[in-house]
């Protein structure tokens, strides 16, 4: 999901590792099911087309492709439960001409990360438009993550606007290698966004929910079943401005990796505070 279609503007990412309490295949199934039910069901499904592709191995062999995700959910779930190398489901407006390409306005995915698939990156992207200013819609994004990560003990998760990179801005700004950030993901927090999920190990170092709530940096702090905290910076995604970002940075500084962030030519606008967290 590195190069999202321009019709999608909100991205959700979550990382699991080998410490997940349930089989990761089951957690992938739960992620897809929750995303479909939260964002791609209801009245809108009557005018919605969908497809899915699942690749079991990095070699590209044993690929499953199907149309109409809801109608063929059982087949998709069986393929996802094996914890495949890559999986994606896309949602788009139905077209009378089956050969006509229609851009996705929503997508759900998973992919192995790390050598041998030590980590799993879960993702979802959708078209929100003006709804990023709607507290009710933004609450749905929060509720989705709380449900989708139920019992997963995630390493990290984030929700961003107009940021389609599969690595957090902070990692890019600190020039941290892919292998290093995965290896240290329960030692240092990978980044911070409008919504940031902190793993249990870092939650403890930050003083838990009461301490983070007392900082005043967060609109809401929610405990996840299985460990970790979901931190919501502002009531709406549109409200996550530079002032709110700086407050989040200061609250999370004790568990952020050291170093002074630098501009990245590959990213036009990095949403980070250009200060060394170890000096806060």
Protein backbone atom coordinates (compact mmCIF):
# COMPACT_ATOMS: atom_id res chain seq x y z
CA UNK A 1 0.00 0.00 0.00
CA UNK A 2 2.93 2.36 -0.65
CA UNK A 3 1.29 4.03 -3.66
CA UNK A 4 -2.34 4.57 -2.78
CA UNK A 5 -4.84 5.80 -5.33
CA UNK A 6 -5.55 9.52 -4.82
CA UNK A 7 -9.17 8.75 -3.98
CA UNK A 8 -8.06 7.46 -0.57
CA UNK A 9 -6.89 9.96 2.02
CA UNK A 10 -6.92 8.22 5.43
CA UNK A 11 -4.52 5.38 6.16
CA UNK A 12 -4.42 3.03 9.13
CA UNK A 13 -1.40 0.87 9.91
CA UNK A 14 -0.73 -1.70 12.63
CA UNK A 15 2.26 -3.95 13.27
CA UNK A 16 2.19 -7.36 14.92
CA UNK A 17 5.17 -9.48 15.92
CA UNK A 18 5.87 -12.99 17.15
CA UNK A 19 4.62 -12.11 20.65
CA UNK A 20 1.03 -11.88 19.44
CA UNK A 21 -1.03 -14.05 21.82
CA UNK A 22 -3.20 -15.53 19.04
CA UNK A 23 -2.12 -17.11 15.74
CA UNK A 24 -1.32 -14.25 13.40
CA UNK A 25 -3.44 -15.78 10.67
CA UNK A 26 -6.48 -15.49 12.94
CA UNK A 27 -5.56 -11.88 13.71
CA UNK A 28 -5.28 -11.12 9.98
CA UNK A 29 -8.75 -12.59 9.42
CA UNK A 30 -10.10 -10.48 12.29
CA UNK A 31 -8.48 -7.32 10.85
CA UNK A 32 -10.04 -7.85 7.41
CA UNK A 33 -13.46 -8.75 8.82
CA UNK A 34 -13.52 -5.74 11.15
CA UNK A 35 -12.44 -3.35 8.39
CA UNK A 36 -15.08 -4.65 5.99
CA UNK A 37 -17.81 -4.41 8.62
CA UNK A 38 -16.67 -0.96 9.80
CA UNK A 39 -16.08 0.79 6.49
CA UNK A 40 -17.38 -1.23 3.54
CA UNK A 41 -20.74 -2.61 4.58
CA UNK A 42 -24.26 -1.35 5.16
CA UNK A 43 -26.28 0.56 2.59
CA UNK A 44 -23.22 1.47 0.50
CA UNK A 45 -22.42 -2.17 -0.32
CA UNK A 46 -25.22 -2.33 -2.91
CA UNK A 47 -23.29 0.03 -5.21
CA UNK A 48 -19.86 -1.29 -4.32
CA UNK A 49 -17.63 -3.70 -6.19
CA UNK A 50 -14.76 -5.53 -4.54
CA UNK A 51 -11.95 -7.99 -5.17
CA UNK A 52 -9.19 -9.72 -3.23
CA UNK A 53 -5.78 -11.24 -3.90
CA UNK A 54 -3.82 -13.45 -1.51
CA UNK A 55 -0.25 -14.63 -2.14
CA UNK A 56 0.90 -17.37 0.18
CA UNK A 57 4.68 -17.15 -0.40
CA UNK A 58 7.22 -14.52 -1.39
CA UNK A 59 7.83 -16.48 -4.58
CA UNK A 60 4.37 -15.46 -5.78
CA UNK A 61 3.13 -19.03 -5.92
CA UNK A 62 -0.20 -20.26 -4.55
CA UNK A 63 -2.12 -17.10 -5.32
CA UNK A 64 -5.84 -16.79 -4.62
CA UNK A 65 -7.90 -14.21 -6.53
CA UNK A 66 -11.62 -13.61 -6.18
CA UNK A 67 -14.34 -11.06 -6.85
CA UNK A 68 -16.97 -9.83 -4.41
CA UNK A 69 -15.29 -10.05 -1.03
CA UNK A 70 -18.56 -10.33 0.92
CA UNK A 71 -20.02 -13.10 -1.23
CA UNK A 72 -16.74 -15.05 -1.11
CA UNK A 73 -15.77 -14.22 2.45
CA UNK A 74 -15.39 -17.87 3.53
CA UNK A 75 -12.85 -18.53 0.77
CA UNK A 76 -10.96 -15.34 1.58
CA UNK A 77 -10.92 -16.08 5.31
CA UNK A 78 -9.49 -19.56 4.70
CA UNK A 79 -6.68 -18.07 2.62
CA UNK A 80 -5.96 -15.36 5.22
CA UNK A 81 -5.91 -17.78 8.14
CA UNK A 82 -2.69 -19.35 6.82
CA UNK A 83 -0.92 -16.01 7.50
CA UNK A 84 0.01 -15.41 3.85
CA UNK A 85 2.95 -13.36 2.65
CA UNK A 86 0.65 -10.74 1.13
CA UNK A 87 -3.09 -10.09 1.00
CA UNK A 88 -5.21 -7.22 -0.26
CA UNK A 89 -8.91 -6.48 -0.71
CA UNK A 90 -10.06 -3.47 -2.71
CA UNK A 91 -13.41 -1.69 -2.85
CA UNK A 92 -14.66 0.49 -5.71
CA UNK A 93 -17.80 1.79 -7.35
CA UNK A 94 -19.49 -0.90 -9.41
CA UNK A 95 -19.22 -0.51 -13.18
CA UNK A 96 -21.62 -1.80 -15.83
CA UNK A 97 -18.60 -2.61 -17.99
CA UNK A 98 -16.63 -5.29 -16.16
CA UNK A 99 -13.55 -4.45 -18.23
CA UNK A 100 -13.57 -0.79 -17.16
CA UNK A 101 -11.02 0.00 -14.47
CA UNK A 102 -12.41 1.92 -11.52
CA UNK A 103 -10.07 3.35 -8.88
CA UNK A 104 -10.41 1.92 -5.38
CA UNK A 105 -11.85 4.16 -2.69
CA UNK A 106 -10.95 1.67 0.01
CA UNK A 107 -8.45 -1.09 0.62
CA UNK A 108 -7.48 -3.56 3.36
CA UNK A 109 -4.16 -5.38 3.45
CA UNK A 110 -1.55 -7.42 5.25
CA UNK A 111 2.06 -8.26 4.46
CA UNK A 112 5.00 -10.05 6.05
CA UNK A 113 7.77 -7.81 7.33
CA UNK A 114 11.20 -8.70 8.62
CA UNK A 115 13.37 -11.68 7.78
CA UNK A 116 11.22 -14.80 7.69
CA UNK A 117 8.06 -12.83 8.43
CA UNK A 118 8.91 -11.94 12.02
CA UNK A 119 6.41 -9.08 11.78
CA UNK A 120 3.08 -8.54 10.06
CA UNK A 121 2.00 -5.14 8.74
CA UNK A 122 -1.77 -4.66 8.68
CA UNK A 123 -3.29 -1.77 6.79
CA UNK A 124 -6.50 -0.09 5.74
CA UNK A 125 -7.11 2.95 3.56
CA UNK A 126 -10.33 4.76 2.81
CA UNK A 127 -11.82 7.90 1.34
CA UNK A 128 -12.87 10.24 4.14
CA UNK A 129 -12.94 13.69 2.56
CA UNK A 130 -14.58 16.28 4.80
CA UNK A 131 -15.43 13.62 7.35
CA UNK A 132 -12.00 14.10 8.95
CA UNK A 133 -13.69 17.06 10.70
CA UNK A 134 -16.63 14.96 11.91
CA UNK A 135 -16.20 13.75 15.52
CA UNK A 136 -18.59 10.82 14.92
CA UNK A 137 -16.64 9.56 11.90
CA UNK A 138 -13.34 9.99 13.73
CA UNK A 139 -14.76 8.03 16.67
CA UNK A 140 -15.49 5.20 14.20
CA UNK A 141 -11.80 5.13 13.24
CA UNK A 142 -10.86 4.81 16.91
CA UNK A 143 -13.48 2.12 17.56
CA UNK A 144 -12.27 0.21 14.50
CA UNK A 145 -8.71 0.02 15.82
CA UNK A 146 -9.80 -0.94 19.33
CA UNK A 147 -11.88 -3.80 17.89
CA UNK A 148 -9.46 -4.86 15.15
CA UNK A 149 -6.56 -5.09 17.61
CA UNK A 150 -8.57 -6.79 20.34
CA UNK A 151 -6.20 -9.20 22.08
CA UNK A 152 -3.47 -8.71 19.46
CA UNK A 153 -0.82 -7.08 21.69
CA UNK A 154 0.37 -4.94 18.75
CA UNK A 155 3.85 -3.49 18.46
CA UNK A 156 2.54 -0.23 17.01
CA UNK A 157 -0.34 1.36 15.13
CA UNK A 158 -1.12 4.77 13.66
CA UNK A 159 -3.76 6.69 11.72
CA UNK A 160 -2.63 9.36 9.25
CA UNK A 161 -4.13 11.77 6.74
CA UNK A 162 -2.61 12.08 3.24
CA UNK A 163 0.35 9.92 4.22
CA UNK A 164 0.54 6.67 2.27
CA UNK A 165 4.00 5.48 3.29
CA UNK A 166 4.16 2.13 5.04
CA UNK A 167 6.78 3.37 7.50
CA UNK A 168 6.19 6.18 10.02
CA UNK A 169 7.57 9.64 9.27
CA UNK A 170 9.81 9.52 12.34
CA UNK A 171 11.65 6.45 11.08
CA UNK A 172 12.27 8.15 7.75
CA UNK A 173 13.44 11.34 9.43
CA UNK A 174 15.84 9.45 11.70
CA UNK A 175 17.20 7.34 8.81
CA UNK A 176 16.52 4.16 10.76
CA UNK A 177 16.87 0.94 8.80
CA UNK A 178 13.94 -1.40 8.26
CA UNK A 179 15.55 -4.23 10.23
CA UNK A 180 16.52 -2.01 13.11
CA UNK A 181 13.12 -0.47 13.69
CA UNK A 182 11.50 -3.90 13.70
CA UNK A 183 14.07 -5.32 16.11
CA UNK A 184 13.69 -2.38 18.50
CA UNK A 185 9.95 -1.89 18.16
CA UNK A 186 9.25 -2.86 21.77
CA UNK A 187 12.18 -0.78 23.02
CA UNK A 188 11.51 2.43 21.11
CA UNK A 189 8.20 3.71 19.80
CA UNK A 190 8.23 3.75 16.00
CA UNK A 191 6.55 7.14 15.67
CA UNK A 192 3.53 9.22 16.58
CA UNK A 193 0.41 10.36 14.72
CA UNK A 194 -3.15 11.51 15.32
CA UNK A 195 -3.76 8.04 16.74
CA UNK A 196 -0.79 6.19 18.14
CA UNK A 197 -0.84 2.71 19.66
CA UNK A 198 1.85 2.10 22.26
CA UNK A 199 2.83 -1.51 23.13
CA UNK A 200 2.55 -2.74 26.70
CA UNK A 201 6.30 -2.55 27.35
CA UNK A 202 6.40 1.16 26.51
CA UNK A 203 3.06 1.83 28.19
CA UNK A 204 4.67 0.74 31.48
CA UNK A 205 7.68 3.03 30.97
CA UNK A 206 5.35 5.98 30.32
CA UNK A 207 3.46 5.42 33.56
CA UNK A 208 0.33 3.89 32.09
CA UNK A 209 -3.01 5.41 31.16
CA UNK A 210 -3.37 7.69 34.24
CA UNK A 211 0.01 9.34 33.67
CA UNK A 212 -0.55 9.87 29.95
CA UNK A 213 -4.04 11.23 30.55
CA UNK A 214 -2.62 13.69 33.07
CA UNK A 215 -0.23 15.14 30.46
CA UNK A 216 -3.19 16.77 28.72
CA UNK A 217 -1.70 15.79 25.34
CA UNK A 218 -4.50 13.39 24.43
CA UNK A 219 -8.19 13.70 23.74
CA UNK A 220 -8.62 10.06 24.76
CA UNK A 221 -6.51 7.24 26.18
CA UNK A 222 -7.92 3.74 25.78
CA UNK A 223 -6.49 0.49 27.12
CA UNK A 224 -6.36 -2.42 24.68
CA UNK A 225 -7.30 -5.91 25.76
CA UNK A 226 -4.09 -7.92 25.64
CA UNK A 227 -1.89 -4.93 26.47
CA UNK A 228 -0.98 -1.52 25.15
CA UNK A 229 -2.71 1.81 24.85
CA UNK A 230 -4.48 3.65 22.06
CA UNK A 231 -3.76 7.37 22.24
CA UNK A 232 -6.02 9.82 20.38
CA UNK A 233 -4.44 13.25 20.14
CA UNK A 234 -7.47 15.38 19.19
CA UNK A 235 -11.20 14.90 18.80
CA UNK A 236 -10.92 14.90 15.01
CA UNK A 237 -8.25 14.05 12.51
CA UNK A 238 -8.58 17.53 11.01
CA UNK A 239 -7.75 18.99 14.41
CA UNK A 240 -4.34 17.32 14.59
CA UNK A 241 -2.29 20.45 13.97
CA UNK A 242 1.37 21.20 14.73
CA UNK A 243 0.56 22.30 18.28
CA UNK A 244 -1.17 18.99 19.02
CA UNK A 245 1.68 17.09 17.39
CA UNK A 246 4.22 18.83 19.60
CA UNK A 247 2.22 17.95 22.72
CA UNK A 248 2.13 14.29 21.68
CA UNK A 249 5.87 14.36 20.98
CA UNK A 250 6.65 15.71 24.43
CA UNK A 251 4.38 13.19 26.16
CA UNK A 252 5.96 10.26 24.30
CA UNK A 253 9.56 11.53 24.23
CA UNK A 254 10.78 9.10 26.96
CA UNK A 255 10.16 6.12 24.65
CA UNK A 256 11.02 7.68 21.28
CA UNK A 257 14.34 6.78 19.63
CA UNK A 258 17.15 9.30 20.14
CA UNK A 259 18.46 11.46 17.33
CA UNK A 260 17.63 14.69 15.51
CA UNK A 261 15.13 14.13 12.67
CA UNK A 262 16.19 15.29 9.21
CA UNK A 263 14.24 16.14 6.07
CA UNK A 264 13.70 13.25 3.69
CA UNK A 265 13.71 14.11 -0.05
CA UNK A 266 11.31 11.21 -0.66
CA UNK A 267 8.67 12.75 1.61
CA UNK A 268 7.42 16.23 0.87
CA UNK A 269 5.97 16.94 4.29
CA UNK A 270 7.15 15.08 7.35
CA UNK A 271 4.82 15.33 10.34
CA UNK A 272 7.49 15.21 13.04
CA UNK A 273 9.01 17.56 15.60
CA UNK A 274 12.58 18.30 14.55
CA UNK A 275 14.06 17.83 18.00
CA UNK A 276 16.00 15.07 19.73
CA UNK A 277 13.52 13.25 21.98
CA UNK A 278 16.33 12.25 24.36
CA UNK A 279 16.78 15.93 25.25
CA UNK A 280 13.18 16.53 26.33
